[in-house]
Amino acid sequence: MKVLIISLLLVASLACIEGIRNGEPWLEAPYMARIQYSTPAGQGGGVIFSQRHILTSGFVVNPTFTAFTAWVGSTSRGSQRMVAVQTRLRHPNYQLTPRLNDIGIVTLTADLVFDDFVWPIRLPIMNQILPYDNQQGTALGFGGVPGGVQPSEQLQAAFLRISPPTACNTRFPQHTIAQQFCGEDSRLRSEVCNDDLGGPFIVLDRGREVLVGLISDHFCIAAQPSQPALFTRVSAFRAWINQMTLV
């Protein structure tokens, strides 16, 4: 019985703060933000897209979360600085189960000063549908690495390719292609996990980095092989973002 209890506790500790699995450290992402809040999970990702705004998932901007703060300025947790949050806005049609309209906007109290360490990501242009089928991109997050019980000190990257609709439907049968897509790594089996929600999926479009997705849902279980992850398709909400922020 003691052995069983210890084993269960160990599994729980490894699962509670898992982040990108089989990823690699990522040293340059001036648009990356980390959102921290007082819940058992306590952390999510976000993306700077203007001097006053951070884009994240609807889950992360839950109005019941307390001690809500944003951190920017470095790909190392210890070197980030906190910036004050004025408001957080969740899409009015957000739904947790199944995950739909999973997008939110964090508005900061003061303008960010752009430099080499803080810089906005490009959004898809209006009416542009991204990503393309089979396109490869990069998912980023500060979630803990498997085997650890603390969030990752260094930003981690997973290189994923857009999954075929059939594979996405198998894992997320109630997803909608118009506003969501799946990504997976069939070679190294890297994947996103719990504390990465709200973080970016970025592709190169005509040689420039563009934010095309936000980490929305996953099947990240330490004892099981990696699975496709679900992303919110940013281009589907481009008009809403513009309406809320004029960006």
C-alpha atoms as a PDB file:
ATOM      1  CA  MET A   1       0.000   0.000   0.000  1.00  0.00           C
ATOM      2  CA  LYS A   2       2.816   2.455   0.854  1.00  0.00           C
ATOM      3  CA  VAL A   3       4.494   1.731  -2.471  1.00  0.00           C
ATOM      4  CA  LEU A   4       1.215   2.388  -4.306  1.00  0.00           C
ATOM      5  CA  ILE A   5       0.646   5.712  -2.520  1.00  0.00           C
ATOM      6  CA  ILE A   6       4.191   6.892  -3.193  1.00  0.00           C
ATOM      7  CA  SER A   7       3.848   5.923  -6.848  1.00  0.00           C
ATOM      8  CA  LEU A   8       0.590   7.848  -7.213  1.00  0.00           C
ATOM      9  CA  LEU A   9       2.078  10.917  -5.573  1.00  0.00           C
ATOM     10  CA  LEU A  10       5.085  10.758  -7.874  1.00  0.00           C
ATOM     11  CA  VAL A  11       2.909  10.512 -10.980  1.00  0.00           C
ATOM     12  CA  ALA A  12       0.812  13.447  -9.792  1.00  0.00           C
ATOM     13  CA  SER A  13       3.857  15.603  -9.125  1.00  0.00           C
ATOM     14  CA  LEU A  14       5.259  14.917 -12.574  1.00  0.00           C
ATOM     15  CA  ALA A  15       1.967  15.690 -14.285  1.00  0.00           C
ATOM     16  CA  CYS A  16       1.013  18.849 -12.437  1.00  0.00           C
ATOM     17  CA  ILE A  17       3.470  21.250 -14.072  1.00  0.00           C
ATOM     18  CA  GLU A  18       4.266  19.611 -17.376  1.00  0.00           C
ATOM     19  CA  GLY A  19       5.012  21.826 -20.319  1.00  0.00           C
ATOM     20  CA  ILE A  20       6.506  21.310 -23.774  1.00  0.00           C
ATOM     21  CA  ARG A  21       7.726  17.739 -24.112  1.00  0.00           C
ATOM     22  CA  ASN A  22      10.814  16.877 -26.182  1.00  0.00           C
ATOM     23  CA  GLY A  23      11.273  20.559 -27.000  1.00  0.00           C
ATOM     24  CA  GLU A  24      14.417  22.616 -27.040  1.00  0.00           C
ATOM     25  CA  PRO A  25      15.431  25.941 -25.447  1.00  0.00           C
ATOM     26  CA  TRP A  26      14.423  28.997 -27.467  1.00  0.00           C
ATOM     27  CA  LEU A  27      16.530  32.111 -26.984  1.00  0.00           C
ATOM     28  CA  GLU A  28      14.900  34.792 -29.119  1.00  0.00           C
ATOM     29  CA  ALA A  29      11.187  35.627 -28.867  1.00  0.00           C
ATOM     30  CA  PRO A  30      10.715  39.294 -27.862  1.00  0.00           C
ATOM     31  CA  TYR A  31       6.954  38.953 -28.394  1.00  0.00           C
ATOM     32  CA  MET A  32       6.621  36.177 -25.791  1.00  0.00           C
ATOM     33  CA  ALA A  33       4.732  36.897 -22.590  1.00  0.00           C
ATOM     34  CA  ARG A  34       4.053  34.759 -19.538  1.00  0.00           C
ATOM     35  CA  ILE A  35       0.773  35.077 -17.655  1.00  0.00           C
ATOM     36  CA  GLN A  36       0.750  34.182 -13.977  1.00  0.00           C
ATOM     37  CA  TYR A  37      -2.276  33.770 -11.704  1.00  0.00           C
ATOM     38  CA  SER A  38      -3.287  32.151  -8.425  1.00  0.00           C
ATOM     39  CA  THR A  39      -4.708  28.741  -9.276  1.00  0.00           C
ATOM     40  CA  PRO A  40      -3.252  25.231  -8.927  1.00  0.00           C
ATOM     41  CA  ALA A  41      -1.846  25.591 -12.468  1.00  0.00           C
ATOM     42  CA  GLY A  42      -0.914  29.223 -12.092  1.00  0.00           C
ATOM     43  CA  GLN A  43       0.652  29.901 -15.461  1.00  0.00           C
ATOM     44  CA  GLY A  44      -0.089  30.344 -19.148  1.00  0.00           C
ATOM     45  CA  GLY A  45       1.414  31.900 -22.224  1.00  0.00           C
ATOM     46  CA  GLY A  46       0.662  35.029 -24.186  1.00  0.00           C
ATOM     47  CA  VAL A  47       1.881  37.043 -27.164  1.00  0.00           C
ATOM     48  CA  ILE A  48       2.573  40.777 -27.398  1.00  0.00           C
ATOM     49  CA  PHE A  49       0.894  42.255 -30.484  1.00  0.00           C
ATOM     50  CA  SER A  50       0.787  45.969 -29.639  1.00  0.00           C
ATOM     51  CA  GLN A  51       2.187  48.366 -27.060  1.00  0.00           C
ATOM     52  CA  ARG A  52      -0.809  47.775 -24.803  1.00  0.00           C
ATOM     53  CA  HIS A  53      -2.072  44.303 -25.678  1.00  0.00           C
ATOM     54  CA  ILE A  54      -1.247  40.641 -25.169  1.00  0.00           C
ATOM     55  CA  LEU A  55      -3.153  37.891 -26.950  1.00  0.00           C
ATOM     56  CA  THR A  56      -3.783  34.637 -25.085  1.00  0.00           C
ATOM     57  CA  SER A  57      -6.407  31.902 -24.724  1.00  0.00           C
ATOM     58  CA  GLY A  58      -9.854  32.404 -23.271  1.00  0.00           C
ATOM     59  CA  PHE A  59      -9.009  29.850 -20.605  1.00  0.00           C
ATOM     60  CA  VAL A  60      -6.109  31.948 -19.307  1.00  0.00           C
ATOM     61  CA  VAL A  61      -8.192  35.137 -18.884  1.00  0.00           C
ATOM     62  CA  ASN A  62     -10.715  33.395 -16.632  1.00  0.00           C
ATOM     63  CA  PRO A  63     -12.265  36.240 -14.589  1.00  0.00           C
ATOM     64  CA  THR A  64     -12.155  34.128 -11.410  1.00  0.00           C
ATOM     65  CA  PHE A  65      -8.357  33.878 -11.477  1.00  0.00           C
ATOM     66  CA  THR A  66      -6.731  36.173  -8.898  1.00  0.00           C
ATOM     67  CA  ALA A  67      -3.254  37.752  -8.629  1.00  0.00           C
ATOM     68  CA  PHE A  68      -3.243  38.095 -12.416  1.00  0.00           C
ATOM     69  CA  THR A  69       0.065  39.442 -13.768  1.00  0.00           C
ATOM     70  CA  ALA A  70       1.962  39.553 -17.063  1.00  0.00           C
ATOM     71  CA  TRP A  71       5.718  39.088 -17.502  1.00  0.00           C
ATOM     72  CA  VAL A  72       7.794  40.151 -20.523  1.00  0.00           C
ATOM     73  CA  GLY A  73      11.294  41.019 -21.648  1.00  0.00           C
ATOM     74  CA  SER A  74      13.190  37.744 -21.704  1.00  0.00           C
ATOM     75  CA  THR A  75      13.118  34.088 -22.712  1.00  0.00           C
ATOM     76  CA  SER A  76      14.395  33.305 -19.210  1.00  0.00           C
ATOM     77  CA  ARG A  77      11.855  33.414 -16.381  1.00  0.00           C
ATOM     78  CA  GLY A  78      14.316  34.890 -13.917  1.00  0.00           C
ATOM     79  CA  SER A  79      15.079  37.849 -16.193  1.00  0.00           C
ATOM     80  CA  GLN A  80      11.499  38.775 -17.050  1.00  0.00           C
ATOM     81  CA  ARG A  81       9.858  41.869 -15.627  1.00  0.00           C
ATOM     82  CA  MET A  82       6.291  42.218 -14.471  1.00  0.00           C
ATOM     83  CA  VAL A  83       3.953  44.643 -16.239  1.00  0.00           C
ATOM     84  CA  ALA A  84       0.674  45.803 -14.708  1.00  0.00           C
ATOM     85  CA  VAL A  85      -2.572  44.507 -16.174  1.00  0.00           C
ATOM     86  CA  GLN A  86      -5.496  46.898 -16.614  1.00  0.00           C
ATOM     87  CA  THR A  87      -8.163  44.556 -17.996  1.00  0.00           C
ATOM     88  CA  ARG A  88      -8.620  41.070 -19.405  1.00  0.00           C
ATOM     89  CA  LEU A  89     -11.229  40.221 -21.970  1.00  0.00           C
ATOM     90  CA  ARG A  90     -12.529  36.797 -22.951  1.00  0.00           C
ATOM     91  CA  HIS A  91     -14.335  36.212 -26.254  1.00  0.00           C
ATOM     92  CA  PRO A  92     -18.075  36.523 -25.538  1.00  0.00           C
ATOM     93  CA  ASN A  93     -18.772  33.095 -27.071  1.00  0.00           C
ATOM     94  CA  TYR A  94     -15.987  31.276 -25.214  1.00  0.00           C
ATOM     95  CA  GLN A  95     -16.776  27.674 -24.362  1.00  0.00           C
ATOM     96  CA  LEU A  96     -14.666  25.358 -22.201  1.00  0.00           C
ATOM     97  CA  THR A  97     -16.122  21.991 -23.239  1.00  0.00           C
ATOM     98  CA  PRO A  98     -15.743  21.514 -26.104  1.00  0.00           C
ATOM     99  CA  ARG A  99     -13.113  24.230 -26.378  1.00  0.00           C
ATOM    100  CA  LEU A 100     -14.454  26.914 -28.732  1.00  0.00           C
ATOM    101  CA  ASN A 101     -13.766  30.637 -29.272  1.00  0.00           C
ATOM    102  CA  ASP A 102     -10.767  30.121 -27.008  1.00  0.00           C
ATOM    103  CA  ILE A 103      -9.158  33.532 -27.255  1.00  0.00           C
ATOM    104  CA  GLY A 104      -8.644  36.460 -24.910  1.00  0.00           C
ATOM    105  CA  ILE A 105      -7.012  39.879 -24.772  1.00  0.00           C
ATOM    106  CA  VAL A 106      -4.968  41.308 -21.902  1.00  0.00           C
ATOM    107  CA  THR A 107      -4.753  45.108 -21.846  1.00  0.00           C
ATOM    108  CA  LEU A 108      -1.834  46.617 -19.968  1.00  0.00           C
ATOM    109  CA  THR A 109      -1.942  49.677 -17.727  1.00  0.00           C
ATOM    110  CA  ALA A 110       0.856  51.441 -19.603  1.00  0.00           C
ATOM    111  CA  ASP A 111       2.464  51.221 -23.030  1.00  0.00           C
ATOM    112  CA  LEU A 112       5.328  48.820 -23.447  1.00  0.00           C
ATOM    113  CA  VAL A 113       8.633  50.303 -24.565  1.00  0.00           C
ATOM    114  CA  PHE A 114       9.779  48.326 -27.585  1.00  0.00           C
ATOM    115  CA  ASP A 115      13.424  47.291 -27.819  1.00  0.00           C
ATOM    116  CA  ASP A 116      15.476  44.199 -28.656  1.00  0.00           C
ATOM    117  CA  PHE A 117      13.783  42.238 -25.844  1.00  0.00           C
ATOM    118  CA  VAL A 118      10.180  43.437 -26.162  1.00  0.00           C
ATOM    119  CA  TRP A 119       8.661  43.538 -29.631  1.00  0.00           C
ATOM    120  CA  PRO A 120       5.231  42.766 -31.097  1.00  0.00           C
ATOM    121  CA  ILE A 121       4.455  39.772 -33.268  1.00  0.00           C
ATOM    122  CA  ARG A 122       2.741  40.254 -36.598  1.00  0.00           C
ATOM    123  CA  LEU A 123      -0.883  39.146 -36.851  1.00  0.00           C
ATOM    124  CA  PRO A 124      -2.417  37.720 -40.030  1.00  0.00           C
ATOM    125  CA  ILE A 125      -3.698  40.446 -42.305  1.00  0.00           C
ATOM    126  CA  MET A 126      -7.472  40.844 -42.425  1.00  0.00           C
ATOM    127  CA  ASN A 127      -9.235  38.051 -44.368  1.00  0.00           C
ATOM    128  CA  GLN A 128      -6.046  36.001 -44.660  1.00  0.00           C
ATOM    129  CA  ILE A 129      -6.520  32.348 -43.646  1.00  0.00           C
ATOM    130  CA  LEU A 130      -3.508  30.865 -41.875  1.00  0.00           C
ATOM    131  CA  PRO A 131      -1.883  28.426 -41.355  1.00  0.00           C
ATOM    132  CA  TYR A 132      -1.832  26.473 -44.580  1.00  0.00           C
ATOM    133  CA  ASP A 133      -2.352  22.714 -44.733  1.00  0.00           C
ATOM    134  CA  ASN A 134       0.796  20.779 -43.763  1.00  0.00           C
ATOM    135  CA  GLN A 135       2.622  24.015 -42.856  1.00  0.00           C
ATOM    136  CA  GLN A 136       5.334  23.762 -40.208  1.00  0.00           C
ATOM    137  CA  GLY A 137       5.563  26.157 -37.281  1.00  0.00           C
ATOM    138  CA  THR A 138       6.884  26.680 -33.769  1.00  0.00           C
ATOM    139  CA  ALA A 139       4.939  26.466 -30.510  1.00  0.00           C
ATOM    140  CA  LEU A 140       6.474  28.207 -27.487  1.00  0.00           C
ATOM    141  CA  GLY A 141       5.909  27.871 -23.750  1.00  0.00           C
ATOM    142  CA  PHE A 142       7.381  28.160 -20.263  1.00  0.00           C
ATOM    143  CA  GLY A 143       5.647  25.049 -18.963  1.00  0.00           C
ATOM    144  CA  GLY A 144       7.796  22.618 -17.003  1.00  0.00           C
ATOM    145  CA  VAL A 145       9.670  19.858 -18.779  1.00  0.00           C
ATOM    146  CA  PRO A 146       8.680  16.211 -18.129  1.00  0.00           C
ATOM    147  CA  GLY A 147      10.273  14.842 -14.991  1.00  0.00           C
ATOM    148  CA  GLY A 148      10.396  18.245 -13.315  1.00  0.00           C
ATOM    149  CA  VAL A 149       8.131  19.724 -10.662  1.00  0.00           C
ATOM    150  CA  GLN A 150       8.834  23.371 -11.495  1.00  0.00           C
ATOM    151  CA  PRO A 151       8.014  25.439 -14.583  1.00  0.00           C
ATOM    152  CA  SER A 152      10.834  25.679 -17.098  1.00  0.00           C
ATOM    153  CA  GLU A 153      13.346  28.450 -16.434  1.00  0.00           C
ATOM    154  CA  GLN A 154      14.060  28.736 -20.156  1.00  0.00           C
ATOM    155  CA  LEU A 155      11.462  29.185 -22.881  1.00  0.00           C
ATOM    156  CA  GLN A 156      10.922  25.911 -24.751  1.00  0.00           C
ATOM    157  CA  ALA A 157      10.033  25.342 -28.404  1.00  0.00           C
ATOM    158  CA  ALA A 158       8.235  22.497 -30.154  1.00  0.00           C
ATOM    159  CA  PHE A 159       8.392  22.224 -33.931  1.00  0.00           C
ATOM    160  CA  LEU A 160       5.015  21.052 -35.176  1.00  0.00           C
ATOM    161  CA  ARG A 161       3.384  20.466 -38.526  1.00  0.00           C
ATOM    162  CA  ILE A 162      -0.301  21.113 -39.210  1.00  0.00           C
ATOM    163  CA  SER A 163      -2.162  17.814 -38.804  1.00  0.00           C
ATOM    164  CA  PRO A 164      -4.533  16.454 -41.463  1.00  0.00           C
ATOM    165  CA  PRO A 165      -8.186  17.155 -40.580  1.00  0.00           C
ATOM    166  CA  THR A 166      -8.809  13.432 -40.050  1.00  0.00           C
ATOM    167  CA  ALA A 167      -6.123  13.232 -37.347  1.00  0.00           C
ATOM    168  CA  CYS A 168      -7.467  16.371 -35.686  1.00  0.00           C
ATOM    169  CA  ASN A 169     -11.017  15.007 -35.746  1.00  0.00           C
ATOM    170  CA  THR A 170      -9.871  11.793 -34.084  1.00  0.00           C
ATOM    171  CA  ARG A 171      -8.515  13.617 -31.032  1.00  0.00           C
ATOM    172  CA  PHE A 172     -10.873  16.596 -31.002  1.00  0.00           C
ATOM    173  CA  PRO A 173     -14.080  15.401 -32.689  1.00  0.00           C
ATOM    174  CA  GLN A 174     -16.019  18.570 -31.825  1.00  0.00           C
ATOM    175  CA  HIS A 175     -13.459  21.051 -33.120  1.00  0.00           C
ATOM    176  CA  THR A 176     -14.292  23.380 -36.003  1.00  0.00           C
ATOM    177  CA  ILE A 177     -11.836  23.742 -38.884  1.00  0.00           C
ATOM    178  CA  ALA A 178     -12.852  27.358 -39.419  1.00  0.00           C
ATOM    179  CA  GLN A 179     -11.556  28.497 -36.018  1.00  0.00           C
ATOM    180  CA  GLN A 180      -9.148  25.738 -34.950  1.00  0.00           C
ATOM    181  CA  PHE A 181      -6.362  23.492 -36.210  1.00  0.00           C
ATOM    182  CA  CYS A 182      -4.125  20.750 -34.850  1.00  0.00           C
ATOM    183  CA  GLY A 183      -0.351  20.447 -34.859  1.00  0.00           C
ATOM    184  CA  GLU A 184       1.947  17.510 -34.153  1.00  0.00           C
ATOM    185  CA  ASP A 185       5.542  16.349 -34.404  1.00  0.00           C
ATOM    186  CA  SER A 186       5.714  12.909 -36.023  1.00  0.00           C
ATOM    187  CA  ARG A 187       9.522  12.774 -35.861  1.00  0.00           C
ATOM    188  CA  LEU A 188      10.706  13.834 -32.385  1.00  0.00           C
ATOM    189  CA  ARG A 189       7.223  13.592 -30.826  1.00  0.00           C
ATOM    190  CA  SER A 190       7.464  16.995 -29.168  1.00  0.00           C
ATOM    191  CA  GLU A 191       4.217  18.481 -27.877  1.00  0.00           C
ATOM    192  CA  VAL A 192       2.717  21.227 -25.732  1.00  0.00           C
ATOM    193  CA  CYS A 193       1.226  20.634 -22.284  1.00  0.00           C
ATOM    194  CA  ASN A 194      -0.640  22.168 -19.324  1.00  0.00           C
ATOM    195  CA  ASP A 195       1.224  25.365 -18.494  1.00  0.00           C
ATOM    196  CA  ASP A 196       1.652  26.281 -22.158  1.00  0.00           C
ATOM    197  CA  LEU A 197      -2.013  27.192 -22.779  1.00  0.00           C
ATOM    198  CA  GLY A 198      -2.365  30.575 -24.464  1.00  0.00           C
ATOM    199  CA  GLY A 199       1.135  30.470 -25.893  1.00  0.00           C
ATOM    200  CA  PRO A 200       1.908  31.102 -29.573  1.00  0.00           C
ATOM    201  CA  PHE A 201       2.122  28.976 -32.674  1.00  0.00           C
ATOM    202  CA  ILE A 202       4.226  30.928 -35.158  1.00  0.00           C
ATOM    203  CA  VAL A 203       4.975  30.373 -38.841  1.00  0.00           C
ATOM    204  CA  LEU A 204       7.074  32.127 -41.437  1.00  0.00           C
ATOM    205  CA  ASP A 205       4.910  33.850 -44.041  1.00  0.00           C
ATOM    206  CA  ARG A 206       6.866  35.468 -46.852  1.00  0.00           C
ATOM    207  CA  GLY A 207       9.938  35.447 -44.628  1.00  0.00           C
ATOM    208  CA  ARG A 208       8.319  37.084 -41.579  1.00  0.00           C
ATOM    209  CA  GLU A 209       7.142  35.567 -38.317  1.00  0.00           C
ATOM    210  CA  VAL A 210       3.358  35.612 -38.011  1.00  0.00           C
ATOM    211  CA  LEU A 211       1.177  34.500 -35.113  1.00  0.00           C
ATOM    212  CA  VAL A 212      -1.297  31.971 -36.512  1.00  0.00           C
ATOM    213  CA  GLY A 213      -2.341  29.992 -33.434  1.00  0.00           C
ATOM    214  CA  LEU A 214      -2.796  29.999 -29.669  1.00  0.00           C
ATOM    215  CA  ILE A 215      -2.316  26.810 -27.652  1.00  0.00           C
ATOM    216  CA  SER A 216      -5.826  25.734 -26.670  1.00  0.00           C
ATOM    217  CA  ASP A 217      -6.014  22.043 -25.694  1.00  0.00           C
ATOM    218  CA  HIS A 218      -3.924  18.875 -25.635  1.00  0.00           C
ATOM    219  CA  PHE A 219      -3.687  15.240 -24.582  1.00  0.00           C
ATOM    220  CA  CYS A 220      -0.371  15.606 -22.786  1.00  0.00           C
ATOM    221  CA  ILE A 221      -0.012  12.659 -20.391  1.00  0.00           C
ATOM    222  CA  ALA A 222       3.456  11.799 -19.098  1.00  0.00           C
ATOM    223  CA  ALA A 223       3.044   8.038 -19.435  1.00  0.00           C
ATOM    224  CA  GLN A 224       1.613   8.119 -22.974  1.00  0.00           C
ATOM    225  CA  PRO A 225       3.026   8.942 -26.429  1.00  0.00           C
ATOM    226  CA  SER A 226       2.629  12.492 -27.711  1.00  0.00           C
ATOM    227  CA  GLN A 227      -0.578  13.443 -29.474  1.00  0.00           C
ATOM    228  CA  PRO A 228      -1.734  16.301 -31.722  1.00  0.00           C
ATOM    229  CA  ALA A 229      -2.489  19.544 -29.881  1.00  0.00           C
ATOM    230  CA  LEU A 230      -5.374  21.890 -30.573  1.00  0.00           C
ATOM    231  CA  PHE A 231      -4.790  25.549 -31.472  1.00  0.00           C
ATOM    232  CA  THR A 232      -7.103  28.527 -31.855  1.00  0.00           C
ATOM    233  CA  ARG A 233      -6.818  29.853 -35.406  1.00  0.00           C
ATOM    234  CA  VAL A 234      -5.961  33.548 -34.928  1.00  0.00           C
ATOM    235  CA  SER A 235      -7.012  34.536 -38.447  1.00  0.00           C
ATOM    236  CA  ALA A 236     -10.578  33.441 -37.655  1.00  0.00           C
ATOM    237  CA  PHE A 237     -10.735  36.112 -34.932  1.00  0.00           C
ATOM    238  CA  ARG A 238      -8.863  38.862 -36.736  1.00  0.00           C
ATOM    239  CA  ALA A 239     -11.926  41.103 -37.072  1.00  0.00           C
ATOM    240  CA  TRP A 240     -12.790  40.660 -33.372  1.00  0.00           C
ATOM    241  CA  ILE A 241      -9.228  41.551 -32.332  1.00  0.00           C
ATOM    242  CA  ASN A 242      -9.389  44.691 -34.450  1.00  0.00           C
ATOM    243  CA  GLN A 243     -12.783  45.614 -33.044  1.00  0.00           C
ATOM    244  CA  MET A 244     -11.525  45.285 -29.457  1.00  0.00           C
ATOM    245  CA  THR A 245      -8.096  46.903 -29.873  1.00  0.00           C
ATOM    246  CA  LEU A 246      -8.035  48.785 -33.214  1.00  0.00           C
ATOM    247  CA  VAL A 247      -4.979  46.694 -34.156  1.00  0.00           C
END
